[in-house]
Amino acid sequence: LVAAFLLCVAGIQGTVNAYRQILPQIQCLYGPTNFSPIMSHVAKFAAHSLQQGTAAYFILLIITDGEITDLDQTRQAIVNASKLPMSIIIVGVGEADFKAVEFLDGETMVFLSL
């Protein structure tokens, strides 16, 4: 389960303010941790921005306490977004096994389109 909030913010302080605003609204999360749907959703915004020629850049920040349950789809979503004006940041918190997140950081291999 991923709680998603889409906000338009300016700069680091805007990001911090949004985080502080949203954090109290998040309740205990449980269930599967699927990242690909939100990645694909934000990628649509980035693709639209690119087509319109606007100077928007998108940063998707995912803070998770669970293992990724849709790893193959998440990897493909990252490949699909790789040429768009966006970055994806995944932060793992807690004691979960984050080997899949480490795999997705791309330091040890290059992702190829499926």
N, C-alpha and C. Protein backbone atom coordinates (compact mmCIF):
# COMPACT_ATOMS: atom_id res chain seq x y z
N LEU A 1 0.85 -1.17 0.00
CA LEU A 1 0.00 0.00 0.00
C LEU A 1 0.89 1.23 0.00
N VAL A 2 0.61 2.16 -0.87
CA VAL A 2 1.36 3.40 -0.94
C VAL A 2 0.38 4.55 -0.80
N ALA A 3 0.64 5.43 0.16
CA ALA A 3 -0.15 6.64 0.29
C ALA A 3 0.48 7.68 -0.62
N ALA A 4 -0.29 8.28 -1.48
CA ALA A 4 0.26 9.22 -2.46
C ALA A 4 -0.38 10.58 -2.29
N PHE A 5 0.47 11.58 -2.31
CA PHE A 5 0.03 12.97 -2.26
C PHE A 5 0.79 13.70 -3.35
N LEU A 6 0.09 14.35 -4.24
CA LEU A 6 0.72 15.13 -5.29
C LEU A 6 0.62 16.60 -4.94
N LEU A 7 1.77 17.22 -4.80
CA LEU A 7 1.81 18.63 -4.46
C LEU A 7 2.78 19.34 -5.37
N CYS A 8 2.50 20.56 -5.70
CA CYS A 8 3.42 21.40 -6.44
C CYS A 8 4.12 22.28 -5.43
N VAL A 9 5.42 22.12 -5.32
CA VAL A 9 6.19 22.89 -4.34
C VAL A 9 7.37 23.56 -5.03
N ALA A 10 7.89 24.58 -4.38
CA ALA A 10 9.05 25.29 -4.90
C ALA A 10 10.22 25.11 -3.96
N GLY A 11 11.26 24.47 -4.44
CA GLY A 11 12.50 24.37 -3.69
C GLY A 11 12.46 23.41 -2.52
N ILE A 12 13.59 23.36 -1.83
CA ILE A 12 13.74 22.47 -0.69
C ILE A 12 12.78 22.86 0.44
N GLN A 13 12.66 24.14 0.72
CA GLN A 13 11.78 24.56 1.81
C GLN A 13 10.33 24.20 1.49
N GLY A 14 9.93 24.30 0.24
CA GLY A 14 8.58 23.89 -0.14
C GLY A 14 8.38 22.41 0.08
N THR A 15 9.41 21.62 -0.20
CA THR A 15 9.34 20.17 0.02
C THR A 15 9.22 19.86 1.51
N VAL A 16 10.03 20.51 2.31
CA VAL A 16 9.98 20.30 3.76
C VAL A 16 8.62 20.71 4.31
N ASN A 17 8.11 21.84 3.87
CA ASN A 17 6.79 22.29 4.33
C ASN A 17 5.70 21.30 3.95
N ALA A 18 5.76 20.77 2.72
CA ALA A 18 4.76 19.79 2.27
C ALA A 18 4.85 18.52 3.11
N TYR A 19 6.06 18.08 3.38
CA TYR A 19 6.27 16.88 4.20
C TYR A 19 5.65 17.08 5.59
N ARG A 20 5.90 18.21 6.19
CA ARG A 20 5.35 18.50 7.52
C ARG A 20 3.83 18.59 7.50
N GLN A 21 3.29 19.09 6.40
CA GLN A 21 1.83 19.21 6.27
C GLN A 21 1.18 17.85 6.11
N ILE A 22 1.79 16.98 5.36
CA ILE A 22 1.18 15.69 5.03
C ILE A 22 1.42 14.63 6.09
N LEU A 23 2.55 14.65 6.74
CA LEU A 23 2.91 13.60 7.70
C LEU A 23 1.82 13.31 8.72
N PRO A 24 1.18 14.31 9.33
CA PRO A 24 0.13 14.00 10.30
C PRO A 24 -1.09 13.30 9.70
N GLN A 25 -1.28 13.39 8.40
CA GLN A 25 -2.43 12.77 7.75
C GLN A 25 -2.23 11.29 7.46
N ILE A 26 -0.98 10.82 7.53
CA ILE A 26 -0.68 9.44 7.19
C ILE A 26 -0.92 8.55 8.41
N GLN A 27 -1.71 7.52 8.19
CA GLN A 27 -1.98 6.56 9.25
C GLN A 27 -1.17 5.31 8.95
N CYS A 28 -1.26 4.36 9.81
CA CYS A 28 -0.52 3.12 9.66
C CYS A 28 -0.82 2.49 8.29
N LEU A 29 0.23 2.16 7.58
CA LEU A 29 0.07 1.54 6.26
C LEU A 29 0.36 0.04 6.37
N TYR A 30 -0.33 -0.72 5.60
CA TYR A 30 -0.10 -2.16 5.57
C TYR A 30 -0.53 -2.68 4.21
N GLY A 31 -0.13 -3.89 3.92
CA GLY A 31 -0.50 -4.49 2.64
C GLY A 31 0.65 -4.46 1.66
N PRO A 32 0.39 -4.78 0.41
CA PRO A 32 1.47 -4.80 -0.58
C PRO A 32 2.01 -3.39 -0.83
N THR A 33 3.30 -3.32 -1.13
CA THR A 33 3.97 -2.05 -1.40
C THR A 33 4.28 -1.98 -2.89
N ASN A 34 3.35 -1.42 -3.63
CA ASN A 34 3.48 -1.32 -5.09
C ASN A 34 3.88 0.11 -5.46
N PHE A 35 5.05 0.27 -6.03
CA PHE A 35 5.55 1.58 -6.41
C PHE A 35 5.19 1.97 -7.84
N SER A 36 5.04 1.00 -8.71
CA SER A 36 4.87 1.31 -10.13
C SER A 36 3.65 2.17 -10.43
N PRO A 37 2.51 2.01 -9.76
CA PRO A 37 1.37 2.87 -10.11
C PRO A 37 1.65 4.37 -9.89
N ILE A 38 2.27 4.73 -8.77
CA ILE A 38 2.53 6.14 -8.52
C ILE A 38 3.65 6.65 -9.42
N MET A 39 4.63 5.82 -9.71
CA MET A 39 5.69 6.22 -10.63
C MET A 39 5.12 6.50 -12.02
N SER A 40 4.25 5.64 -12.48
CA SER A 40 3.63 5.83 -13.80
C SER A 40 2.73 7.06 -13.81
N HIS A 41 2.05 7.30 -12.71
CA HIS A 41 1.16 8.45 -12.61
C HIS A 41 1.95 9.76 -12.71
N VAL A 42 3.03 9.87 -11.95
CA VAL A 42 3.85 11.08 -11.99
C VAL A 42 4.53 11.20 -13.36
N ALA A 43 4.91 10.08 -13.95
CA ALA A 43 5.53 10.11 -15.29
C ALA A 43 4.57 10.70 -16.32
N LYS A 44 3.27 10.47 -16.16
CA LYS A 44 2.30 11.08 -17.09
C LYS A 44 2.33 12.60 -16.99
N PHE A 45 2.44 13.12 -15.77
CA PHE A 45 2.55 14.57 -15.59
C PHE A 45 3.83 15.09 -16.25
N ALA A 46 4.93 14.38 -16.04
CA ALA A 46 6.21 14.81 -16.61
C ALA A 46 6.17 14.75 -18.13
N ALA A 47 5.57 13.71 -18.69
CA ALA A 47 5.47 13.59 -20.15
C ALA A 47 4.61 14.71 -20.72
N HIS A 48 3.53 15.02 -20.06
CA HIS A 48 2.66 16.11 -20.51
C HIS A 48 3.40 17.44 -20.47
N SER A 49 4.15 17.66 -19.40
CA SER A 49 4.93 18.88 -19.27
C SER A 49 5.96 18.99 -20.38
N LEU A 50 6.60 17.88 -20.70
CA LEU A 50 7.60 17.86 -21.77
C LEU A 50 6.96 18.17 -23.11
N GLN A 51 5.79 17.59 -23.36
CA GLN A 51 5.08 17.83 -24.63
C GLN A 51 4.64 19.29 -24.75
N GLN A 52 4.30 19.90 -23.63
CA GLN A 52 3.84 21.29 -23.64
C GLN A 52 5.00 22.28 -23.69
N GLY A 53 6.21 21.79 -23.50
CA GLY A 53 7.38 22.65 -23.54
C GLY A 53 7.55 23.51 -22.31
N THR A 54 6.91 23.13 -21.22
CA THR A 54 7.06 23.90 -19.99
C THR A 54 8.36 23.51 -19.30
N ALA A 55 8.80 24.34 -18.40
CA ALA A 55 10.07 24.11 -17.72
C ALA A 55 9.86 23.41 -16.37
N ALA A 56 8.86 22.57 -16.27
CA ALA A 56 8.58 21.89 -15.01
C ALA A 56 9.47 20.66 -14.87
N TYR A 57 9.89 20.42 -13.65
CA TYR A 57 10.67 19.22 -13.32
C TYR A 57 9.98 18.57 -12.13
N PHE A 58 9.86 17.25 -12.16
CA PHE A 58 9.11 16.52 -11.16
C PHE A 58 10.04 15.66 -10.33
N ILE A 59 9.83 15.70 -9.03
CA ILE A 59 10.58 14.84 -8.12
C ILE A 59 9.57 14.02 -7.34
N LEU A 60 9.68 12.72 -7.48
CA LEU A 60 8.81 11.81 -6.74
C LEU A 60 9.60 11.28 -5.56
N LEU A 61 9.16 11.62 -4.37
CA LEU A 61 9.80 11.16 -3.14
C LEU A 61 8.91 10.08 -2.54
N ILE A 62 9.46 8.89 -2.42
CA ILE A 62 8.73 7.77 -1.84
C ILE A 62 9.42 7.41 -0.53
N ILE A 63 8.68 7.50 0.56
CA ILE A 63 9.19 7.08 1.87
C ILE A 63 8.45 5.81 2.22
N THR A 64 9.19 4.73 2.40
CA THR A 64 8.54 3.44 2.57
C THR A 64 9.10 2.70 3.78
N ASP A 65 8.25 1.90 4.38
CA ASP A 65 8.70 1.03 5.46
C ASP A 65 8.53 -0.44 5.08
N GLY A 66 8.31 -0.69 3.80
CA GLY A 66 8.08 -2.07 3.37
C GLY A 66 8.89 -2.44 2.14
N GLU A 67 8.96 -3.72 1.90
CA GLU A 67 9.63 -4.22 0.72
C GLU A 67 8.77 -3.95 -0.51
N ILE A 68 9.42 -3.76 -1.64
CA ILE A 68 8.70 -3.54 -2.89
C ILE A 68 8.09 -4.86 -3.34
N THR A 69 6.78 -4.87 -3.58
CA THR A 69 6.12 -6.11 -3.98
C THR A 69 5.88 -6.20 -5.48
N ASP A 70 6.14 -5.12 -6.21
CA ASP A 70 5.98 -5.17 -7.67
C ASP A 70 7.30 -4.75 -8.35
N LEU A 71 8.37 -5.46 -7.99
CA LEU A 71 9.71 -5.08 -8.42
C LEU A 71 9.87 -4.99 -9.94
N ASP A 72 9.38 -5.98 -10.67
CA ASP A 72 9.52 -5.95 -12.13
C ASP A 72 8.78 -4.77 -12.75
N GLN A 73 7.57 -4.51 -12.28
CA GLN A 73 6.79 -3.38 -12.79
C GLN A 73 7.43 -2.05 -12.38
N THR A 74 7.99 -2.00 -11.19
CA THR A 74 8.66 -0.78 -10.73
C THR A 74 9.90 -0.52 -11.57
N ARG A 75 10.66 -1.55 -11.86
CA ARG A 75 11.84 -1.40 -12.71
C ARG A 75 11.44 -0.87 -14.08
N GLN A 76 10.37 -1.40 -14.64
CA GLN A 76 9.91 -0.94 -15.95
C GLN A 76 9.40 0.49 -15.89
N ALA A 77 8.75 0.86 -14.79
CA ALA A 77 8.28 2.24 -14.63
C ALA A 77 9.47 3.20 -14.57
N ILE A 78 10.55 2.79 -13.94
CA ILE A 78 11.75 3.62 -13.89
C ILE A 78 12.36 3.75 -15.28
N VAL A 79 12.43 2.66 -16.01
CA VAL A 79 12.94 2.71 -17.40
C VAL A 79 12.08 3.65 -18.23
N ASN A 80 10.77 3.53 -18.12
CA ASN A 80 9.86 4.37 -18.89
C ASN A 80 10.02 5.85 -18.55
N ALA A 81 10.33 6.14 -17.30
CA ALA A 81 10.46 7.54 -16.85
C ALA A 81 11.86 8.10 -17.07
N SER A 82 12.78 7.29 -17.48
CA SER A 82 14.19 7.69 -17.51
C SER A 82 14.50 8.85 -18.46
N LYS A 83 13.69 9.09 -19.44
CA LYS A 83 13.94 10.18 -20.39
C LYS A 83 13.02 11.38 -20.13
N LEU A 84 12.32 11.34 -19.03
CA LEU A 84 11.39 12.42 -18.68
C LEU A 84 12.04 13.36 -17.68
N PRO A 85 11.51 14.59 -17.58
CA PRO A 85 12.05 15.55 -16.62
C PRO A 85 11.57 15.22 -15.20
N MET A 86 12.12 14.13 -14.67
CA MET A 86 11.72 13.73 -13.32
C MET A 86 12.81 12.90 -12.66
N SER A 87 12.81 12.94 -11.35
CA SER A 87 13.67 12.09 -10.54
C SER A 87 12.79 11.30 -9.59
N ILE A 88 13.26 10.11 -9.25
CA ILE A 88 12.55 9.26 -8.30
C ILE A 88 13.50 8.99 -7.15
N ILE A 89 13.07 9.35 -5.96
CA ILE A 89 13.87 9.13 -4.75
C ILE A 89 13.09 8.20 -3.85
N ILE A 90 13.72 7.09 -3.45
CA ILE A 90 13.08 6.14 -2.56
C ILE A 90 13.89 6.10 -1.27
N VAL A 91 13.20 6.34 -0.16
CA VAL A 91 13.84 6.31 1.15
C VAL A 91 13.19 5.20 1.96
N GLY A 92 13.99 4.26 2.39
CA GLY A 92 13.50 3.18 3.23
C GLY A 92 13.72 3.51 4.69
N VAL A 93 12.69 3.33 5.50
CA VAL A 93 12.79 3.57 6.94
C VAL A 93 12.36 2.32 7.68
N GLY A 94 12.97 2.07 8.80
CA GLY A 94 12.60 0.92 9.60
C GLY A 94 13.50 -0.27 9.36
N GLU A 95 13.01 -1.43 9.74
CA GLU A 95 13.80 -2.65 9.76
C GLU A 95 13.54 -3.59 8.58
N ALA A 96 12.78 -3.16 7.58
CA ALA A 96 12.45 -4.04 6.45
C ALA A 96 13.69 -4.35 5.62
N ASP A 97 13.59 -5.36 4.79
CA ASP A 97 14.66 -5.74 3.88
C ASP A 97 14.57 -4.84 2.65
N PHE A 98 15.55 -3.97 2.47
CA PHE A 98 15.51 -3.01 1.39
C PHE A 98 16.46 -3.37 0.25
N LYS A 99 16.73 -4.67 0.06
CA LYS A 99 17.61 -5.11 -1.03
C LYS A 99 17.05 -4.71 -2.40
N ALA A 100 15.74 -4.74 -2.54
CA ALA A 100 15.13 -4.36 -3.82
C ALA A 100 15.35 -2.89 -4.10
N VAL A 101 15.29 -2.05 -3.08
CA VAL A 101 15.55 -0.62 -3.26
C VAL A 101 17.00 -0.41 -3.68
N GLU A 102 17.91 -1.16 -3.06
CA GLU A 102 19.32 -1.07 -3.44
C GLU A 102 19.51 -1.52 -4.89
N PHE A 103 18.79 -2.55 -5.32
CA PHE A 103 18.85 -3.00 -6.71
C PHE A 103 18.40 -1.89 -7.66
N LEU A 104 17.38 -1.15 -7.26
CA LEU A 104 16.83 -0.11 -8.11
C LEU A 104 17.70 1.14 -8.21
N ASP A 105 18.70 1.27 -7.34
CA ASP A 105 19.52 2.48 -7.39
C ASP A 105 20.40 2.52 -8.63
N GLY A 106 20.55 1.39 -9.33
CA GLY A 106 21.22 1.38 -10.62
C GLY A 106 22.72 1.52 -10.56
N GLU A 107 23.33 1.46 -9.40
CA GLU A 107 24.77 1.60 -9.31
C GLU A 107 25.51 0.40 -9.87
N THR A 108 24.91 -0.77 -9.76
CA THR A 108 25.63 -1.97 -10.19
C THR A 108 25.21 -2.48 -11.55
N MET A 109 24.15 -1.92 -12.12
CA MET A 109 23.72 -2.39 -13.43
C MET A 109 22.94 -1.30 -14.15
N VAL A 110 22.92 -1.41 -15.43
CA VAL A 110 22.14 -0.49 -16.25
C VAL A 110 20.83 -1.16 -16.59
N PHE A 111 19.74 -0.47 -16.41
CA PHE A 111 18.42 -1.02 -16.76
C PHE A 111 18.23 -0.89 -18.25
N LEU A 112 17.72 -1.91 -18.83
CA LEU A 112 17.36 -1.87 -20.24
C LEU A 112 15.86 -2.02 -20.36
N SER A 113 15.30 -1.41 -21.34
CA SER A 113 13.88 -1.52 -21.55
C SER A 113 13.50 -2.97 -21.79
N LEU A 114 12.40 -3.39 -21.21
CA LEU A 114 11.94 -4.77 -21.37
C LEU A 114 11.34 -5.00 -22.74
